[in-house]
Amino acid sequence: MPKTSNVFARVEPELKSEAEMVLNQIGLPMSSAITLFLRQVVLRRGVPFPITIPQKPKSLEDMNEDELDIKLESGWNDYQSGNVRPVEEFFDEMERDYSL
């Protein structure tokens, strides 16, 4: 079926740019991604993914000793396996995801 209808949406420029970068990496044009999303809305009769409010990480004051030990051990294991990233990237993500 020929495409004869337009969809116009206002989004934050940074969000659009970040999404385009990801979509370009997988070879999917923005218009195809939007079409894919809309098809899934129709097929599933709703939004095709859960919509939730992210949980803020627990503060040190809210953790008991066992929880803190588990977090520290997990971090140490990540470090040893090379699963690390620059601290600036981490804080940018925290600010974006949790409005901190």
PDB file of N, CA and C in Angstrom:
ATOM      1  N   MET A   1       0.846  -1.174   0.000  1.00  0.00           N
ATOM      2  CA  MET A   1       0.000   0.000   0.000  1.00  0.00           C
ATOM      3  C   MET A   1       0.895   1.243   0.000  1.00  0.00           C
ATOM      4  N   PRO A   2       0.617   2.203  -0.863  1.00  0.00           N
ATOM      5  CA  PRO A   2       1.459   3.404  -0.903  1.00  0.00           C
ATOM      6  C   PRO A   2       1.299   4.244   0.362  1.00  0.00           C
ATOM      7  N   LYS A   3       2.380   4.868   0.740  1.00  0.00           N
ATOM      8  CA  LYS A   3       2.357   5.729   1.923  1.00  0.00           C
ATOM      9  C   LYS A   3       1.857   7.108   1.512  1.00  0.00           C
ATOM     10  N   THR A   4       0.682   7.473   2.027  1.00  0.00           N
ATOM     11  CA  THR A   4       0.081   8.746   1.634  1.00  0.00           C
ATOM     12  C   THR A   4      -0.282   9.623   2.823  1.00  0.00           C
ATOM     13  N   SER A   5       0.045   9.203   4.041  1.00  0.00           N
ATOM     14  CA  SER A   5      -0.306   9.978   5.220  1.00  0.00           C
ATOM     15  C   SER A   5       0.965  10.379   5.970  1.00  0.00           C
ATOM     16  N   ASN A   6       0.943  11.560   6.547  1.00  0.00           N
ATOM     17  CA  ASN A   6       2.092  12.060   7.301  1.00  0.00           C
ATOM     18  C   ASN A   6       1.784  12.087   8.783  1.00  0.00           C
ATOM     19  N   VAL A   7       2.815  11.902   9.581  1.00  0.00           N
ATOM     20  CA  VAL A   7       2.729  12.036  11.031  1.00  0.00           C
ATOM     21  C   VAL A   7       3.745  13.089  11.435  1.00  0.00           C
ATOM     22  N   PHE A   8       3.313  14.078  12.163  1.00  0.00           N
ATOM     23  CA  PHE A   8       4.202  15.121  12.645  1.00  0.00           C
ATOM     24  C   PHE A   8       4.232  15.058  14.165  1.00  0.00           C
ATOM     25  N   ALA A   9       5.421  15.045  14.728  1.00  0.00           N
ATOM     26  CA  ALA A   9       5.561  14.995  16.181  1.00  0.00           C
ATOM     27  C   ALA A   9       6.707  15.891  16.607  1.00  0.00           C
ATOM     28  N   ARG A  10       6.524  16.614  17.668  1.00  0.00           N
ATOM     29  CA  ARG A  10       7.591  17.447  18.222  1.00  0.00           C
ATOM     30  C   ARG A  10       8.282  16.645  19.322  1.00  0.00           C
ATOM     31  N   VAL A  11       9.592  16.550  19.207  1.00  0.00           N
ATOM     32  CA  VAL A  11      10.393  15.851  20.217  1.00  0.00           C
ATOM     33  C   VAL A  11      11.614  16.705  20.535  1.00  0.00           C
ATOM     34  N   GLU A  12      12.233  16.407  21.661  1.00  0.00           N
ATOM     35  CA  GLU A  12      13.441  17.125  22.039  1.00  0.00           C
ATOM     36  C   GLU A  12      14.533  16.819  21.018  1.00  0.00           C
ATOM     37  N   PRO A  13      15.267  17.840  20.562  1.00  0.00           N
ATOM     38  CA  PRO A  13      16.306  17.626  19.554  1.00  0.00           C
ATOM     39  C   PRO A  13      17.336  16.567  19.966  1.00  0.00           C
ATOM     40  N   GLU A  14      17.719  16.566  21.237  1.00  0.00           N
ATOM     41  CA  GLU A  14      18.715  15.592  21.703  1.00  0.00           C
ATOM     42  C   GLU A  14      18.162  14.167  21.616  1.00  0.00           C
ATOM     43  N   LEU A  15      16.897  13.984  21.974  1.00  0.00           N
ATOM     44  CA  LEU A  15      16.275  12.657  21.889  1.00  0.00           C
ATOM     45  C   LEU A  15      16.236  12.184  20.438  1.00  0.00           C
ATOM     46  N   LYS A  16      15.843  13.071  19.537  1.00  0.00           N
ATOM     47  CA  LYS A  16      15.794  12.720  18.117  1.00  0.00           C
ATOM     48  C   LYS A  16      17.176  12.337  17.616  1.00  0.00           C
ATOM     49  N   SER A  17      18.169  13.122  17.974  1.00  0.00           N
ATOM     50  CA  SER A  17      19.536  12.856  17.535  1.00  0.00           C
ATOM     51  C   SER A  17      20.045  11.522  18.063  1.00  0.00           C
ATOM     52  N   GLU A  18      19.812  11.247  19.350  1.00  0.00           N
ATOM     53  CA  GLU A  18      20.259   9.984  19.943  1.00  0.00           C
ATOM     54  C   GLU A  18      19.556   8.792  19.298  1.00  0.00           C
ATOM     55  N   ALA A  19      18.254   8.937  19.061  1.00  0.00           N
ATOM     56  CA  ALA A  19      17.498   7.857  18.427  1.00  0.00           C
ATOM     57  C   ALA A  19      17.992   7.622  17.000  1.00  0.00           C
ATOM     58  N   GLU A  20      18.251   8.699  16.255  1.00  0.00           N
ATOM     59  CA  GLU A  20      18.755   8.552  14.888  1.00  0.00           C
ATOM     60  C   GLU A  20      20.098   7.838  14.862  1.00  0.00           C
ATOM     61  N   MET A  21      20.959   8.144  15.838  1.00  0.00           N
ATOM     62  CA  MET A  21      22.267   7.487  15.900  1.00  0.00           C
ATOM     63  C   MET A  21      22.101   5.977  16.094  1.00  0.00           C
ATOM     64  N   VAL A  22      21.211   5.593  16.986  1.00  0.00           N
ATOM     65  CA  VAL A  22      20.973   4.169  17.235  1.00  0.00           C
ATOM     66  C   VAL A  22      20.366   3.511  16.003  1.00  0.00           C
ATOM     67  N   LEU A  23      19.348   4.138  15.456  1.00  0.00           N
ATOM     68  CA  LEU A  23      18.678   3.571  14.282  1.00  0.00           C
ATOM     69  C   LEU A  23      19.619   3.465  13.090  1.00  0.00           C
ATOM     70  N   ASN A  24      20.487   4.458  12.904  1.00  0.00           N
ATOM     71  CA  ASN A  24      21.464   4.393  11.814  1.00  0.00           C
ATOM     72  C   ASN A  24      22.411   3.209  11.984  1.00  0.00           C
ATOM     73  N   GLN A  25      22.771   2.921  13.230  1.00  0.00           N
ATOM     74  CA  GLN A  25      23.681   1.799  13.489  1.00  0.00           C
ATOM     75  C   GLN A  25      23.062   0.464  13.093  1.00  0.00           C
ATOM     76  N   ILE A  26      21.751   0.375  13.184  1.00  0.00           N
ATOM     77  CA  ILE A  26      21.097  -0.887  12.807  1.00  0.00           C
ATOM     78  C   ILE A  26      20.476  -0.813  11.409  1.00  0.00           C
ATOM     79  N   GLY A  27      20.705   0.306  10.726  1.00  0.00           N
ATOM     80  CA  GLY A  27      20.236   0.437   9.351  1.00  0.00           C
ATOM     81  C   GLY A  27      18.738   0.606   9.213  1.00  0.00           C
ATOM     82  N   LEU A  28      18.106   1.238  10.185  1.00  0.00           N
ATOM     83  CA  LEU A  28      16.662   1.418  10.161  1.00  0.00           C
ATOM     84  C   LEU A  28      16.331   2.909  10.108  1.00  0.00           C
ATOM     85  N   PRO A  29      15.746   3.372   9.001  1.00  0.00           N
ATOM     86  CA  PRO A  29      15.365   4.789   8.923  1.00  0.00           C
ATOM     87  C   PRO A  29      14.312   5.138   9.987  1.00  0.00           C
ATOM     88  N   MET A  30      14.321   6.384  10.412  1.00  0.00           N
ATOM     89  CA  MET A  30      13.376   6.848  11.433  1.00  0.00           C
ATOM     90  C   MET A  30      11.941   6.565  11.008  1.00  0.00           C
ATOM     91  N   SER A  31      11.613   6.818   9.757  1.00  0.00           N
ATOM     92  CA  SER A  31      10.235   6.604   9.298  1.00  0.00           C
ATOM     93  C   SER A  31       9.849   5.124   9.400  1.00  0.00           C
ATOM     94  N   SER A  32      10.785   4.225   9.114  1.00  0.00           N
ATOM     95  CA  SER A  32      10.496   2.789   9.239  1.00  0.00           C
ATOM     96  C   SER A  32      10.314   2.398  10.703  1.00  0.00           C
ATOM     97  N   ALA A  33      11.114   2.994  11.584  1.00  0.00           N
ATOM     98  CA  ALA A  33      10.983   2.698  13.012  1.00  0.00           C
ATOM     99  C   ALA A  33       9.617   3.152  13.534  1.00  0.00           C
ATOM    100  N   ILE A  34       9.178   4.318  13.083  1.00  0.00           N
ATOM    101  CA  ILE A  34       7.862   4.813  13.504  1.00  0.00           C
ATOM    102  C   ILE A  34       6.763   3.918  12.950  1.00  0.00           C
ATOM    103  N   THR A  35       6.890   3.508  11.690  1.00  0.00           N
ATOM    104  CA  THR A  35       5.911   2.591  11.095  1.00  0.00           C
ATOM    105  C   THR A  35       5.880   1.279  11.863  1.00  0.00           C
ATOM    106  N   LEU A  36       7.044   0.762  12.209  1.00  0.00           N
ATOM    107  CA  LEU A  36       7.146  -0.474  12.986  1.00  0.00           C
ATOM    108  C   LEU A  36       6.424  -0.331  14.329  1.00  0.00           C
ATOM    109  N   PHE A  37       6.660   0.782  15.001  1.00  0.00           N
ATOM    110  CA  PHE A  37       6.000   1.045  16.280  1.00  0.00           C
ATOM    111  C   PHE A  37       4.476   1.078  16.104  1.00  0.00           C
ATOM    112  N   LEU A  38       3.997   1.805  15.107  1.00  0.00           N
ATOM    113  CA  LEU A  38       2.554   1.928  14.898  1.00  0.00           C
ATOM    114  C   LEU A  38       1.911   0.585  14.538  1.00  0.00           C
ATOM    115  N   ARG A  39       2.611  -0.235  13.747  1.00  0.00           N
ATOM    116  CA  ARG A  39       2.084  -1.576  13.430  1.00  0.00           C
ATOM    117  C   ARG A  39       1.951  -2.429  14.693  1.00  0.00           C
ATOM    118  N   GLN A  40       2.943  -2.315  15.577  1.00  0.00           N
ATOM    119  CA  GLN A  40       2.885  -3.074  16.822  1.00  0.00           C
ATOM    120  C   GLN A  40       1.752  -2.578  17.731  1.00  0.00           C
ATOM    121  N   VAL A  41       1.511  -1.277  17.723  1.00  0.00           N
ATOM    122  CA  VAL A  41       0.377  -0.729  18.490  1.00  0.00           C
ATOM    123  C   VAL A  41      -0.915  -1.356  18.009  1.00  0.00           C
ATOM    124  N   VAL A  42      -1.081  -1.439  16.687  1.00  0.00           N
ATOM    125  CA  VAL A  42      -2.297  -2.017  16.117  1.00  0.00           C
ATOM    126  C   VAL A  42      -2.382  -3.503  16.434  1.00  0.00           C
ATOM    127  N   LEU A  43      -1.297  -4.250  16.204  1.00  0.00           N
ATOM    128  CA  LEU A  43      -1.311  -5.700  16.443  1.00  0.00           C
ATOM    129  C   LEU A  43      -1.563  -6.056  17.907  1.00  0.00           C
ATOM    130  N   ARG A  44      -0.971  -5.285  18.809  1.00  0.00           N
ATOM    131  CA  ARG A  44      -1.093  -5.597  20.241  1.00  0.00           C
ATOM    132  C   ARG A  44      -2.259  -4.864  20.913  1.00  0.00           C
ATOM    133  N   ARG A  45      -2.857  -3.980  20.157  1.00  0.00           N
ATOM    134  CA  ARG A  45      -3.975  -3.180  20.669  1.00  0.00           C
ATOM    135  C   ARG A  45      -3.563  -2.385  21.915  1.00  0.00           C
ATOM    136  N   GLY A  46      -2.370  -1.831  21.841  1.00  0.00           N
ATOM    137  CA  GLY A  46      -1.830  -1.029  22.934  1.00  0.00           C
ATOM    138  C   GLY A  46      -0.363  -0.742  22.685  1.00  0.00           C
ATOM    139  N   VAL A  47       0.253  -0.085  23.618  1.00  0.00           N
ATOM    140  CA  VAL A  47       1.680   0.217  23.518  1.00  0.00           C
ATOM    141  C   VAL A  47       2.447  -1.100  23.619  1.00  0.00           C
ATOM    142  N   PRO A  48       3.394  -1.351  22.706  1.00  0.00           N
ATOM    143  CA  PRO A  48       4.043  -2.661  22.634  1.00  0.00           C
ATOM    144  C   PRO A  48       5.182  -2.896  23.628  1.00  0.00           C
ATOM    145  N   PHE A  49       5.189  -2.166  24.714  1.00  0.00           N
ATOM    146  CA  PHE A  49       6.195  -2.382  25.758  1.00  0.00           C
ATOM    147  C   PHE A  49       5.628  -1.852  27.068  1.00  0.00           C
ATOM    148  N   PRO A  50       6.129  -2.366  28.187  1.00  0.00           N
ATOM    149  CA  PRO A  50       5.607  -1.884  29.463  1.00  0.00           C
ATOM    150  C   PRO A  50       6.020  -0.428  29.709  1.00  0.00           C
ATOM    151  N   ILE A  51       5.113   0.336  30.237  1.00  0.00           N
ATOM    152  CA  ILE A  51       5.410   1.717  30.598  1.00  0.00           C
ATOM    153  C   ILE A  51       5.456   1.774  32.117  1.00  0.00           C
ATOM    154  N   THR A  52       6.641   2.029  32.638  1.00  0.00           N
ATOM    155  CA  THR A  52       6.830   2.037  34.079  1.00  0.00           C
ATOM    156  C   THR A  52       7.640   3.257  34.490  1.00  0.00           C
ATOM    157  N   ILE A  53       7.589   3.569  35.749  1.00  0.00           N
ATOM    158  CA  ILE A  53       8.414   4.627  36.319  1.00  0.00           C
ATOM    159  C   ILE A  53       9.676   3.957  36.848  1.00  0.00           C
ATOM    160  N   PRO A  54      10.861   4.388  36.375  1.00  0.00           N
ATOM    161  CA  PRO A  54      12.088   3.750  36.850  1.00  0.00           C
ATOM    162  C   PRO A  54      12.233   3.895  38.364  1.00  0.00           C
ATOM    163  N   GLN A  55      12.727   2.850  38.976  1.00  0.00           N
ATOM    164  CA  GLN A  55      12.982   2.874  40.409  1.00  0.00           C
ATOM    165  C   GLN A  55      14.315   3.561  40.660  1.00  0.00           C
ATOM    166  N   LYS A  56      14.320   4.531  41.554  1.00  0.00           N
ATOM    167  CA  LYS A  56      15.580   5.158  41.914  1.00  0.00           C
ATOM    168  C   LYS A  56      16.411   4.150  42.701  1.00  0.00           C
ATOM    169  N   PRO A  57      17.727   4.140  42.472  1.00  0.00           N
ATOM    170  CA  PRO A  57      18.571   3.241  43.258  1.00  0.00           C
ATOM    171  C   PRO A  57      18.492   3.597  44.740  1.00  0.00           C
ATOM    172  N   LYS A  58      18.632   2.586  45.580  1.00  0.00           N
ATOM    173  CA  LYS A  58      18.618   2.830  47.017  1.00  0.00           C
ATOM    174  C   LYS A  58      19.854   3.618  47.426  1.00  0.00           C
ATOM    175  N   SER A  59      19.675   4.504  48.377  1.00  0.00           N
ATOM    176  CA  SER A  59      20.830   5.221  48.921  1.00  0.00           C
ATOM    177  C   SER A  59      21.521   4.317  49.941  1.00  0.00           C
ATOM    178  N   LEU A  60      22.733   4.671  50.293  1.00  0.00           N
ATOM    179  CA  LEU A  60      23.467   3.887  51.296  1.00  0.00           C
ATOM    180  C   LEU A  60      22.705   3.802  52.616  1.00  0.00           C
ATOM    181  N   GLU A  61      22.041   4.887  52.957  1.00  0.00           N
ATOM    182  CA  GLU A  61      21.291   4.920  54.221  1.00  0.00           C
ATOM    183  C   GLU A  61      20.122   3.947  54.208  1.00  0.00           C
ATOM    184  N   ASP A  62      19.587   3.655  53.015  1.00  0.00           N
ATOM    185  CA  ASP A  62      18.428   2.773  52.899  1.00  0.00           C
ATOM    186  C   ASP A  62      18.799   1.297  52.772  1.00  0.00           C
ATOM    187  N   MET A  63      20.095   1.008  52.592  1.00  0.00           N
ATOM    188  CA  MET A  63      20.529  -0.377  52.438  1.00  0.00           C
ATOM    189  C   MET A  63      20.955  -0.963  53.768  1.00  0.00           C
ATOM    190  N   ASN A  64      20.651  -2.256  53.934  1.00  0.00           N
ATOM    191  CA  ASN A  64      21.211  -2.933  55.101  1.00  0.00           C
ATOM    192  C   ASN A  64      22.598  -3.454  54.711  1.00  0.00           C
ATOM    193  N   GLU A  65      23.304  -4.034  55.656  1.00  0.00           N
ATOM    194  CA  GLU A  65      24.681  -4.467  55.418  1.00  0.00           C
ATOM    195  C   GLU A  65      24.771  -5.528  54.319  1.00  0.00           C
ATOM    196  N   ASP A  66      23.828  -6.474  54.306  1.00  0.00           N
ATOM    197  CA  ASP A  66      23.845  -7.520  53.277  1.00  0.00           C
ATOM    198  C   ASP A  66      23.634  -6.940  51.881  1.00  0.00           C
ATOM    199  N   GLU A  67      22.697  -5.996  51.751  1.00  0.00           N
ATOM    200  CA  GLU A  67      22.443  -5.368  50.452  1.00  0.00           C
ATOM    201  C   GLU A  67      23.674  -4.611  49.956  1.00  0.00           C
ATOM    202  N   LEU A  68      24.332  -3.900  50.872  1.00  0.00           N
ATOM    203  CA  LEU A  68      25.531  -3.162  50.514  1.00  0.00           C
ATOM    204  C   LEU A  68      26.642  -4.120  50.079  1.00  0.00           C
ATOM    205  N   ASP A  69      26.811  -5.217  50.811  1.00  0.00           N
ATOM    206  CA  ASP A  69      27.827  -6.213  50.444  1.00  0.00           C
ATOM    207  C   ASP A  69      27.567  -6.775  49.048  1.00  0.00           C
ATOM    208  N   ILE A  70      26.314  -7.055  48.736  1.00  0.00           N
ATOM    209  CA  ILE A  70      25.958  -7.590  47.417  1.00  0.00           C
ATOM    210  C   ILE A  70      26.295  -6.575  46.326  1.00  0.00           C
ATOM    211  N   LYS A  71      25.953  -5.303  46.551  1.00  0.00           N
ATOM    212  CA  LYS A  71      26.250  -4.253  45.567  1.00  0.00           C
ATOM    213  C   LYS A  71      27.756  -4.096  45.376  1.00  0.00           C
ATOM    214  N   LEU A  72      28.502  -4.088  46.477  1.00  0.00           N
ATOM    215  CA  LEU A  72      29.955  -3.933  46.380  1.00  0.00           C
ATOM    216  C   LEU A  72      30.591  -5.115  45.654  1.00  0.00           C
ATOM    217  N   GLU A  73      30.136  -6.316  45.958  1.00  0.00           N
ATOM    218  CA  GLU A  73      30.664  -7.499  45.290  1.00  0.00           C
ATOM    219  C   GLU A  73      30.331  -7.485  43.802  1.00  0.00           C
ATOM    220  N   SER A  74      29.124  -7.082  43.466  1.00  0.00           N
ATOM    221  CA  SER A  74      28.718  -6.989  42.070  1.00  0.00           C
ATOM    222  C   SER A  74      29.591  -5.987  41.325  1.00  0.00           C
ATOM    223  N   GLY A  75      29.852  -4.835  41.948  1.00  0.00           N
ATOM    224  CA  GLY A  75      30.709  -3.825  41.336  1.00  0.00           C
ATOM    225  C   GLY A  75      32.128  -4.327  41.144  1.00  0.00           C
ATOM    226  N   TRP A  76      32.638  -5.018  42.134  1.00  0.00           N
ATOM    227  CA  TRP A  76      33.989  -5.579  42.043  1.00  0.00           C
ATOM    228  C   TRP A  76      34.067  -6.603  40.913  1.00  0.00           C
ATOM    229  N   ASN A  77      33.055  -7.459  40.799  1.00  0.00           N
ATOM    230  CA  ASN A  77      33.028  -8.454  39.729  1.00  0.00           C
ATOM    231  C   ASN A  77      32.974  -7.791  38.355  1.00  0.00           C
ATOM    232  N   ASP A  78      32.174  -6.715  38.237  1.00  0.00           N
ATOM    233  CA  ASP A  78      32.116  -5.967  36.978  1.00  0.00           C
ATOM    234  C   ASP A  78      33.491  -5.403  36.628  1.00  0.00           C
ATOM    235  N   TYR A  79      34.148  -4.828  37.619  1.00  0.00           N
ATOM    236  CA  TYR A  79      35.474  -4.248  37.405  1.00  0.00           C
ATOM    237  C   TYR A  79      36.460  -5.315  36.929  1.00  0.00           C
ATOM    238  N   GLN A  80      36.463  -6.451  37.584  1.00  0.00           N
ATOM    239  CA  GLN A  80      37.393  -7.516  37.234  1.00  0.00           C
ATOM    240  C   GLN A  80      37.128  -8.080  35.832  1.00  0.00           C
ATOM    241  N   SER A  81      35.871  -8.077  35.415  1.00  0.00           N
ATOM    242  CA  SER A  81      35.537  -8.626  34.094  1.00  0.00           C
ATOM    243  C   SER A  81      35.635  -7.578  32.979  1.00  0.00           C
ATOM    244  N   GLY A  82      35.991  -6.330  33.339  1.00  0.00           N
ATOM    245  CA  GLY A  82      36.127  -5.280  32.334  1.00  0.00           C
ATOM    246  C   GLY A  82      34.818  -4.612  31.967  1.00  0.00           C
ATOM    247  N   ASN A  83      33.766  -4.911  32.706  1.00  0.00           N
ATOM    248  CA  ASN A  83      32.451  -4.323  32.447  1.00  0.00           C
ATOM    249  C   ASN A  83      32.381  -2.965  33.152  1.00  0.00           C
ATOM    250  N   VAL A  84      33.104  -1.982  32.596  1.00  0.00           N
ATOM    251  CA  VAL A  84      33.199  -0.651  33.198  1.00  0.00           C
ATOM    252  C   VAL A  84      32.982   0.408  32.125  1.00  0.00           C
ATOM    253  N   ARG A  85      32.746   1.656  32.556  1.00  0.00           N
ATOM    254  CA  ARG A  85      32.592   2.775  31.627  1.00  0.00           C
ATOM    255  C   ARG A  85      33.003   4.057  32.345  1.00  0.00           C
ATOM    256  N   PRO A  86      33.229   5.117  31.603  1.00  0.00           N
ATOM    257  CA  PRO A  86      33.658   6.372  32.232  1.00  0.00           C
ATOM    258  C   PRO A  86      32.605   6.902  33.208  1.00  0.00           C
ATOM    259  N   VAL A  87      33.068   7.486  34.297  1.00  0.00           N
ATOM    260  CA  VAL A  87      32.162   7.978  35.329  1.00  0.00           C
ATOM    261  C   VAL A  87      31.243   9.078  34.790  1.00  0.00           C
ATOM    262  N   GLU A  88      31.738   9.883  33.848  1.00  0.00           N
ATOM    263  CA  GLU A  88      30.906  10.943  33.277  1.00  0.00           C
ATOM    264  C   GLU A  88      29.681  10.348  32.580  1.00  0.00           C
ATOM    265  N   GLU A  89      29.898   9.242  31.872  1.00  0.00           N
ATOM    266  CA  GLU A  89      28.799   8.553  31.189  1.00  0.00           C
ATOM    267  C   GLU A  89      27.771   8.050  32.197  1.00  0.00           C
ATOM    268  N   PHE A  90      28.253   7.516  33.309  1.00  0.00           N
ATOM    269  CA  PHE A  90      27.359   7.017  34.360  1.00  0.00           C
ATOM    270  C   PHE A  90      26.497   8.146  34.923  1.00  0.00           C
ATOM    271  N   PHE A  91      27.137   9.276  35.260  1.00  0.00           N
ATOM    272  CA  PHE A  91      26.377  10.377  35.846  1.00  0.00           C
ATOM    273  C   PHE A  91      25.405  10.994  34.844  1.00  0.00           C
ATOM    274  N   ASP A  92      25.781  11.040  33.572  1.00  0.00           N
ATOM    275  CA  ASP A  92      24.849  11.519  32.540  1.00  0.00           C
ATOM    276  C   ASP A  92      23.617  10.622  32.480  1.00  0.00           C
ATOM    277  N   GLU A  93      23.831   9.305  32.559  1.00  0.00           N
ATOM    278  CA  GLU A  93      22.713   8.355  32.530  1.00  0.00           C
ATOM    279  C   GLU A  93      21.835   8.510  33.767  1.00  0.00           C
ATOM    280  N   MET A  94      22.454   8.672  34.927  1.00  0.00           N
ATOM    281  CA  MET A  94      21.679   8.842  36.156  1.00  0.00           C
ATOM    282  C   MET A  94      20.818  10.103  36.076  1.00  0.00           C
ATOM    283  N   GLU A  95      21.411  11.177  35.575  1.00  0.00           N
ATOM    284  CA  GLU A  95      20.665  12.424  35.445  1.00  0.00           C
ATOM    285  C   GLU A  95      19.499  12.270  34.485  1.00  0.00           C
ATOM    286  N   ARG A  96      19.754  11.602  33.353  1.00  0.00           N
ATOM    287  CA  ARG A  96      18.714  11.402  32.331  1.00  0.00           C
ATOM    288  C   ARG A  96      17.599  10.483  32.845  1.00  0.00           C
ATOM    289  N   ASP A  97      17.982   9.350  33.457  1.00  0.00           N
ATOM    290  CA  ASP A  97      16.999   8.352  33.846  1.00  0.00           C
ATOM    291  C   ASP A  97      16.262   8.674  35.137  1.00  0.00           C
ATOM    292  N   TYR A  98      16.918   9.362  36.043  1.00  0.00           N
ATOM    293  CA  TYR A  98      16.323   9.576  37.367  1.00  0.00           C
ATOM    294  C   TYR A  98      16.171  11.050  37.733  1.00  0.00           C
ATOM    295  N   SER A  99      16.460  11.931  36.797  1.00  0.00           N
ATOM    296  CA  SER A  99      16.354  13.379  37.024  1.00  0.00           C
ATOM    297  C   SER A  99      17.093  13.819  38.277  1.00  0.00           C
ATOM    298  N   LEU A 100      18.270  13.259  38.462  1.00  0.00           N
ATOM    299  CA  LEU A 100      19.082  13.609  39.641  1.00  0.00           C
ATOM    300  C   LEU A 100      19.975  14.787  39.338  1.00  0.00           C
TER     301      LEU A 100
END
